[in-house]
Amino acid sequence: MRTDFFDYDLPQNAIAQTPIEPRHAARMLVDLGVAGGIEHRTVADLDHLLEPRDVLVVNNTKVLAARLNLFKPTGGAVEVLLLEPTGNGDEWQALVRPSRRVADGTKLELHGRPVVTVGAPVGDGRRLVTIDSAAIDEHGEVPLPPYITEPLADPDRYQTVFADRIGSVAAPTAGLHLSEEVLQRLADRGVAVETIELFVGLATFRPISTDRIDDHEMHHERYRVDPAVWERLIEARDRGGRLVAVGTTVVRTLESAAITGELEGSTDLFIRRGHEWRMVDVLLTNFHVPRSSLLVLVDAFIGERWRELYVTALAEGYRFLSFGDCMLLVRRTEPRRTEIA
């Protein structure tokens, strides 16, 4: 399939620049399927749309203050965006901008103190860097997506209310809509809430640059599912409960664990048409960037109907991307695979 199938016209004024308050006031387009049509709700209505035996699964990773604005000894400005640790001491993979003007071995400074040493390229624009770890806490900034140009008044609004495991370089943005109030309403209704971890990295937000979808290469991202959580998910599934994934990172984590049988590791799973669904039944997700792997995942989940939903959302003034509104989608009715690796 060609990548341009996943293109659409996204007007600049449809891209949300600030989060809405309160969190659960975000609009939620509810897809009832081809026969059922569309409902326009808010996230505050979520408890009315789920059943007591359903399980809501969230990603509890927290965004790292991963952006550092530094200077070469000559005075030139350099931005370093940490992606993930290599496991070798204080070494990380990072994006360095402008990378071509930073030679291997360059020591980047802040207030006259060297804090980052830039190393060799490792592909796809990434570099190895060695960092003074104290610099992250002292000078790091939470990185907002490049399409958000307005400053964020409250940095906590780019963190979910359940964020706990620090290490992501971007927020699992579907979870930004959930408030303590909504979570309590779900608990009162009997909807269980479970947490998994996927440390959001380059794979999630890297655009598709190939002409064909199948030629796109996903980078690995670390994930973990607690064995007790996994057991509860399987039990709920066996009882006929639906697994409701909050965001595409949860989808990739659950489907990866089901395919491999590994509850901890790294995944480069690229979900596209032909994926045999094993775990996820319902998806709460934002409106995504054109030509992105996230949009390809939505297409695999509900089929080409996503295009009609996006046209409707734009016509109805929904807010798009990270600080925007969301959709509640029910997977197409093909039988879910019963075997788990």
Protein backbone atom coordinates (compact mmCIF):
# COMPACT_ATOMS: atom_id res chain seq x y z
CA MET A 1 0.00 0.00 0.00
CA ARG A 2 1.26 3.48 -0.86
CA THR A 3 2.01 5.92 1.95
CA ASP A 4 0.09 8.74 0.26
CA PHE A 5 -3.13 6.81 1.00
CA PHE A 6 -2.65 8.06 4.57
CA ASP A 7 -2.35 11.70 3.57
CA TYR A 8 -5.08 14.23 4.30
CA ASP A 9 -5.37 17.99 4.43
CA LEU A 10 -4.74 19.19 8.00
CA PRO A 11 -5.29 22.95 8.31
CA GLN A 12 -2.90 24.74 10.65
CA ASN A 13 -5.79 26.16 12.66
CA ALA A 14 -7.02 22.63 13.46
CA ILE A 15 -3.82 21.81 15.38
CA ALA A 16 -4.44 22.38 19.09
CA GLN A 17 -1.78 24.61 20.64
CA THR A 18 -2.92 24.40 24.26
CA PRO A 19 -4.61 21.68 26.32
CA ILE A 20 -8.25 22.11 27.25
CA GLU A 21 -9.35 22.46 30.86
CA PRO A 22 -10.45 20.37 32.58
CA ARG A 23 -8.81 17.38 30.92
CA HIS A 24 -12.07 15.45 30.51
CA ALA A 25 -13.72 18.37 28.69
CA ALA A 26 -11.98 17.25 25.50
CA ARG A 27 -14.42 16.29 22.76
CA MET A 28 -14.69 12.61 21.90
CA LEU A 29 -15.95 11.38 18.54
CA VAL A 30 -17.55 7.98 19.16
CA ASP A 31 -17.60 5.66 16.14
CA LEU A 32 -20.64 3.38 16.22
CA GLY A 33 -19.67 1.62 13.01
CA VAL A 34 -20.95 1.91 9.45
CA ALA A 35 -24.53 1.09 10.46
CA GLY A 36 -24.57 3.03 13.73
CA GLY A 37 -23.03 6.31 12.66
CA ILE A 38 -21.21 8.78 14.90
CA GLU A 39 -21.88 10.35 18.28
CA HIS A 40 -20.27 13.54 19.56
CA ARG A 41 -19.42 13.25 23.25
CA THR A 42 -16.76 14.40 25.69
CA VAL A 43 -14.28 12.30 27.64
CA ALA A 44 -16.41 12.98 30.72
CA ASP A 45 -18.94 10.56 29.18
CA LEU A 46 -16.49 7.65 29.03
CA ASP A 47 -17.99 5.76 31.97
CA HIS A 48 -21.37 5.71 30.19
CA LEU A 49 -19.82 4.08 27.12
CA LEU A 50 -17.94 1.25 28.82
CA GLU A 51 -19.34 -1.83 30.57
CA PRO A 52 -18.51 -3.10 34.08
CA ARG A 53 -16.51 -6.07 32.80
CA ASP A 54 -14.38 -3.90 30.48
CA VAL A 55 -10.76 -3.12 31.37
CA LEU A 56 -9.18 0.24 30.58
CA VAL A 57 -5.42 -0.08 29.97
CA VAL A 58 -3.16 2.99 30.27
CA ASN A 59 0.52 3.70 29.71
CA ASN A 60 1.98 5.08 32.95
CA THR A 61 5.32 6.28 31.60
CA LYS A 62 6.38 9.85 32.36
CA VAL A 63 8.01 12.28 29.96
CA LEU A 64 11.68 12.89 30.63
CA ALA A 65 13.07 16.42 30.58
CA ALA A 66 14.92 15.24 27.49
CA ARG A 67 15.61 18.49 25.59
CA LEU A 68 18.83 20.36 26.32
CA ASN A 69 19.72 23.68 24.71
CA LEU A 70 23.52 23.82 24.72
CA PHE A 71 26.43 25.59 23.05
CA LYS A 72 29.59 24.57 21.25
CA PRO A 73 32.85 26.04 22.60
CA THR A 74 32.73 28.40 19.61
CA GLY A 75 29.35 29.71 20.77
CA GLY A 76 27.06 27.98 18.25
CA ALA A 77 23.73 26.81 19.64
CA VAL A 78 22.99 23.07 19.60
CA GLU A 79 19.84 21.23 20.68
CA VAL A 80 20.17 17.72 22.09
CA LEU A 81 17.06 15.55 22.39
CA LEU A 82 17.73 12.41 24.40
CA LEU A 83 15.95 9.34 23.02
CA GLU A 84 16.97 6.35 25.11
CA PRO A 85 19.88 5.14 27.23
CA THR A 86 22.17 2.58 25.65
CA GLY A 87 22.80 0.79 28.94
CA ASN A 88 26.45 1.84 28.83
CA GLY A 89 26.81 4.22 31.77
CA ASP A 90 25.71 7.76 30.94
CA GLU A 91 25.58 7.09 27.19
CA TRP A 92 22.37 7.82 25.27
CA GLN A 93 21.09 7.79 21.74
CA ALA A 94 20.00 11.31 20.88
CA LEU A 95 19.02 13.69 18.11
CA VAL A 96 21.54 16.50 17.76
CA ARG A 97 20.57 19.62 15.80
CA PRO A 98 22.29 20.79 13.66
CA SER A 99 24.05 17.43 13.58
CA ARG A 100 26.25 18.10 10.53
CA ARG A 101 27.91 21.03 12.28
CA VAL A 102 28.83 19.04 15.39
CA ALA A 103 31.95 16.91 15.02
CA ASP A 104 32.52 13.68 16.92
CA GLY A 105 34.05 14.42 20.29
CA THR A 106 32.59 17.93 20.57
CA LYS A 107 31.88 18.91 24.17
CA LEU A 108 28.69 20.94 24.46
CA GLU A 109 28.49 23.45 27.26
CA LEU A 110 26.04 25.31 29.43
CA HIS A 111 27.17 28.33 31.45
CA GLY A 112 30.73 27.44 30.52
CA ARG A 113 30.50 23.90 31.92
CA PRO A 114 30.76 20.86 29.58
CA VAL A 115 27.65 18.69 30.03
CA VAL A 116 27.40 16.59 26.84
CA THR A 117 30.03 14.91 24.65
CA VAL A 118 28.77 14.10 21.16
CA GLY A 119 29.82 10.79 19.63
CA ALA A 120 29.34 8.88 16.42
CA PRO A 121 26.19 8.66 14.27
CA VAL A 122 24.12 5.48 14.68
CA GLY A 123 21.66 5.96 11.80
CA ASP A 124 18.44 7.86 11.09
CA GLY A 125 19.94 11.10 12.33
CA ARG A 126 20.69 9.71 15.76
CA ARG A 127 24.01 10.21 17.57
CA LEU A 128 25.59 8.65 20.61
CA VAL A 129 26.11 11.18 23.39
CA THR A 130 27.56 10.98 26.87
CA ILE A 131 25.85 13.25 29.36
CA ASP A 132 26.46 14.54 32.85
CA SER A 133 23.29 13.01 34.31
CA ALA A 134 22.76 15.91 36.71
CA ALA A 135 22.27 18.17 33.68
CA ILE A 136 18.96 16.49 32.86
CA ASP A 137 17.44 17.45 36.21
CA GLU A 138 19.07 20.88 36.29
CA HIS A 139 18.64 22.07 32.71
CA GLY A 140 16.46 19.62 30.79
CA GLU A 141 13.12 20.70 29.35
CA VAL A 142 10.11 18.52 28.58
CA PRO A 143 10.08 18.35 24.76
CA LEU A 144 6.84 19.39 23.10
CA PRO A 145 6.12 18.29 19.52
CA PRO A 146 7.42 20.74 16.89
CA TYR A 147 3.91 21.64 15.71
CA ILE A 148 3.15 23.13 19.15
CA THR A 149 4.56 26.64 19.00
CA GLU A 150 2.95 28.22 22.06
CA PRO A 151 4.65 27.87 25.46
CA LEU A 152 2.99 25.55 27.94
CA ALA A 153 1.88 27.39 31.07
CA ASP A 154 1.83 24.25 33.21
CA PRO A 155 4.38 21.55 32.29
CA ASP A 156 2.30 18.95 34.13
CA ARG A 157 -0.33 19.23 31.40
CA TYR A 158 2.03 17.28 29.14
CA GLN A 159 2.01 14.47 31.69
CA THR A 160 -0.86 12.08 32.41
CA VAL A 161 -2.36 12.05 35.91
CA PHE A 162 -1.07 8.47 36.31
CA ALA A 163 2.46 9.16 34.99
CA ASP A 164 4.90 7.27 37.20
CA ARG A 165 7.72 5.61 35.26
CA ILE A 166 10.02 8.32 33.89
CA GLY A 167 11.74 7.69 30.57
CA SER A 168 9.51 8.64 27.64
CA VAL A 169 10.50 11.47 25.31
CA ALA A 170 6.90 12.20 24.31
CA ALA A 171 3.65 11.82 26.20
CA PRO A 172 1.23 8.96 25.54
CA THR A 173 -1.16 11.69 24.52
CA ALA A 174 -4.48 9.83 24.57
CA GLY A 175 -3.98 9.49 28.31
CA LEU A 176 -3.79 13.27 28.74
CA HIS A 177 -7.61 13.36 28.54
CA LEU A 178 -8.18 11.21 31.62
CA SER A 179 -8.74 13.04 34.90
CA GLU A 180 -8.91 11.67 38.43
CA GLU A 181 -12.64 12.33 38.28
CA VAL A 182 -13.14 10.18 35.17
CA LEU A 183 -11.00 7.38 36.60
CA GLN A 184 -13.10 7.41 39.76
CA ARG A 185 -16.33 7.25 37.74
CA LEU A 186 -14.98 4.25 35.85
CA ALA A 187 -14.07 2.52 39.11
CA ASP A 188 -17.56 3.21 40.48
CA ARG A 189 -19.04 1.62 37.36
CA GLY A 190 -16.90 -1.48 37.80
CA VAL A 191 -14.48 -0.80 34.95
CA ALA A 192 -11.01 -1.93 36.01
CA VAL A 193 -7.99 0.23 35.17
CA GLU A 194 -4.64 -1.47 34.54
CA THR A 195 -1.25 0.03 33.70
CA ILE A 196 1.51 -1.01 31.33
CA GLU A 197 4.78 0.67 30.36
CA LEU A 198 5.99 1.64 26.93
CA PHE A 199 8.75 4.25 26.90
CA VAL A 200 7.79 6.46 23.99
CA GLY A 201 10.73 7.07 21.68
CA LEU A 202 11.57 7.67 18.05
CA ALA A 203 9.40 4.82 16.76
CA THR A 204 6.17 6.45 17.86
CA PHE A 205 6.65 9.91 16.34
CA ARG A 206 9.02 9.18 13.45
CA PRO A 207 7.25 10.02 10.17
CA ILE A 208 6.95 7.54 7.32
CA SER A 209 9.33 8.71 4.61
CA THR A 210 9.06 5.73 2.26
CA ASP A 211 6.69 5.58 -0.71
CA ARG A 212 5.34 2.20 0.38
CA ILE A 213 4.06 1.43 3.87
CA ASP A 214 5.76 -1.95 3.97
CA ASP A 215 9.15 -0.32 3.48
CA HIS A 216 8.87 1.73 6.69
CA GLU A 217 11.19 0.60 9.48
CA MET A 218 10.05 0.98 13.08
CA HIS A 219 12.63 1.58 15.79
CA HIS A 220 12.54 -0.42 19.00
CA GLU A 221 10.83 0.93 22.12
CA ARG A 222 11.08 -0.61 25.58
CA TYR A 223 7.95 -2.01 27.19
CA ARG A 224 6.90 -3.95 30.27
CA VAL A 225 3.69 -5.60 31.47
CA ASP A 226 3.53 -6.80 35.07
CA PRO A 227 2.75 -10.55 35.09
CA ALA A 228 -0.14 -10.03 37.52
CA VAL A 229 -1.60 -7.36 35.21
CA TRP A 230 -1.28 -9.70 32.24
CA GLU A 231 -3.11 -12.46 34.10
CA ARG A 232 -5.97 -10.09 34.95
CA LEU A 233 -6.20 -8.97 31.32
CA ILE A 234 -6.38 -12.55 30.06
CA GLU A 235 -9.01 -13.40 32.69
CA ALA A 236 -11.12 -10.38 31.72
CA ARG A 237 -10.80 -11.30 28.06
CA ASP A 238 -11.82 -14.90 28.74
CA ARG A 239 -14.91 -13.65 30.61
CA GLY A 240 -15.96 -11.70 27.54
CA GLY A 241 -14.76 -8.32 28.75
CA ARG A 242 -13.34 -5.84 26.30
CA LEU A 243 -9.79 -4.53 26.56
CA VAL A 244 -9.87 -0.77 26.02
CA ALA A 245 -6.47 0.63 25.05
CA VAL A 246 -5.80 4.27 25.88
CA GLY A 247 -3.52 5.21 23.01
CA THR A 248 -1.51 3.46 20.34
CA THR A 249 1.41 2.79 22.71
CA VAL A 250 -0.86 0.55 24.79
CA VAL A 251 -2.01 -1.21 21.61
CA ARG A 252 1.55 -1.96 20.53
CA THR A 253 2.53 -3.16 24.00
CA LEU A 254 -0.38 -5.57 24.42
CA GLU A 255 -0.21 -6.91 20.89
CA SER A 256 3.59 -7.32 21.11
CA ALA A 257 3.35 -9.25 24.36
CA ALA A 258 0.64 -11.49 22.93
CA ILE A 259 2.63 -12.24 19.77
CA THR A 260 5.97 -12.92 21.45
CA GLY A 261 4.93 -14.20 24.86
CA GLU A 262 7.45 -11.76 26.34
CA LEU A 263 6.08 -9.38 28.98
CA GLU A 264 9.23 -7.26 29.01
CA GLY A 265 11.61 -6.25 26.26
CA SER A 266 11.59 -4.01 23.23
CA THR A 267 9.21 -3.90 20.31
CA ASP A 268 9.42 -2.72 16.74
CA LEU A 269 5.90 -3.94 15.95
CA PHE A 270 4.43 -2.00 13.02
CA ILE A 271 0.68 -2.60 13.03
CA ARG A 272 -0.89 -2.26 9.59
CA ARG A 273 -3.53 -3.98 7.48
CA GLY A 274 -3.37 -7.72 7.86
CA HIS A 275 -2.50 -7.60 11.57
CA GLU A 276 -4.24 -10.43 13.43
CA TRP A 277 -5.64 -8.84 16.58
CA ARG A 278 -5.10 -10.77 19.78
CA MET A 279 -5.87 -8.39 22.65
CA VAL A 280 -7.34 -4.95 21.96
CA ASP A 281 -11.05 -4.46 21.31
CA VAL A 282 -11.59 -0.72 21.82
CA LEU A 283 -9.22 2.20 21.26
CA LEU A 284 -9.25 5.70 22.70
CA THR A 285 -6.90 7.74 20.52
CA ASN A 286 -6.15 11.26 19.34
CA PHE A 287 -6.31 12.52 15.76
CA HIS A 288 -2.94 11.83 14.20
CA VAL A 289 -0.45 13.45 11.85
CA PRO A 290 -0.90 12.63 8.15
CA ARG A 291 1.27 9.80 6.78
CA SER A 292 2.14 8.55 10.28
CA SER A 293 2.46 5.00 11.58
CA LEU A 294 -0.20 5.91 14.15
CA LEU A 295 -2.72 6.59 11.41
CA VAL A 296 -1.75 3.30 9.73
CA LEU A 297 -2.53 1.53 13.03
CA VAL A 298 -5.98 3.17 13.16
CA ASP A 299 -6.61 1.99 9.59
CA ALA A 300 -5.72 -1.56 10.65
CA PHE A 301 -8.14 -1.26 13.58
CA ILE A 302 -11.27 0.09 11.85
CA GLY A 303 -10.44 0.05 8.16
CA GLU A 304 -10.77 2.87 5.66
CA ARG A 305 -13.63 4.32 7.72
CA TRP A 306 -11.03 6.46 9.51
CA ARG A 307 -11.10 8.84 6.56
CA GLU A 308 -14.82 9.54 6.99
CA LEU A 309 -14.28 10.10 10.72
CA TYR A 310 -11.44 12.55 10.08
CA VAL A 311 -13.49 14.48 7.51
CA THR A 312 -16.34 14.71 10.01
CA ALA A 313 -14.04 15.79 12.83
CA LEU A 314 -12.49 18.58 10.75
CA ALA A 315 -15.91 19.77 9.60
CA GLU A 316 -17.16 19.78 13.21
CA GLY A 317 -14.19 21.77 14.50
CA TYR A 318 -12.45 19.05 16.49
CA ARG A 319 -8.93 19.90 17.70
CA PHE A 320 -6.15 17.69 16.29
CA LEU A 321 -2.85 16.15 17.46
CA SER A 322 -1.27 16.00 20.92
CA PHE A 323 -3.34 18.62 22.77
CA GLY A 324 -6.42 17.98 20.67
CA ASP A 325 -9.60 15.95 21.02
CA CYS A 326 -9.99 12.19 20.62
CA MET A 327 -11.96 9.28 19.17
CA LEU A 328 -13.39 6.14 20.74
CA LEU A 329 -13.16 3.30 18.22
CA VAL A 330 -14.45 -0.26 18.32
CA ARG A 331 -12.38 -2.75 16.36
CA ARG A 332 -13.83 -4.24 13.21
CA THR A 333 -15.83 -7.39 13.84
CA GLU A 334 -13.40 -10.00 12.55
CA PRO A 335 -12.94 -12.67 15.26
CA ARG A 336 -10.10 -11.95 17.64
CA ARG A 337 -7.43 -14.65 17.71
CA THR A 338 -7.70 -16.81 20.81
CA GLU A 339 -4.17 -18.15 21.02
CA ILE A 340 -1.55 -16.17 22.88
CA ALA A 341 2.15 -16.92 22.50
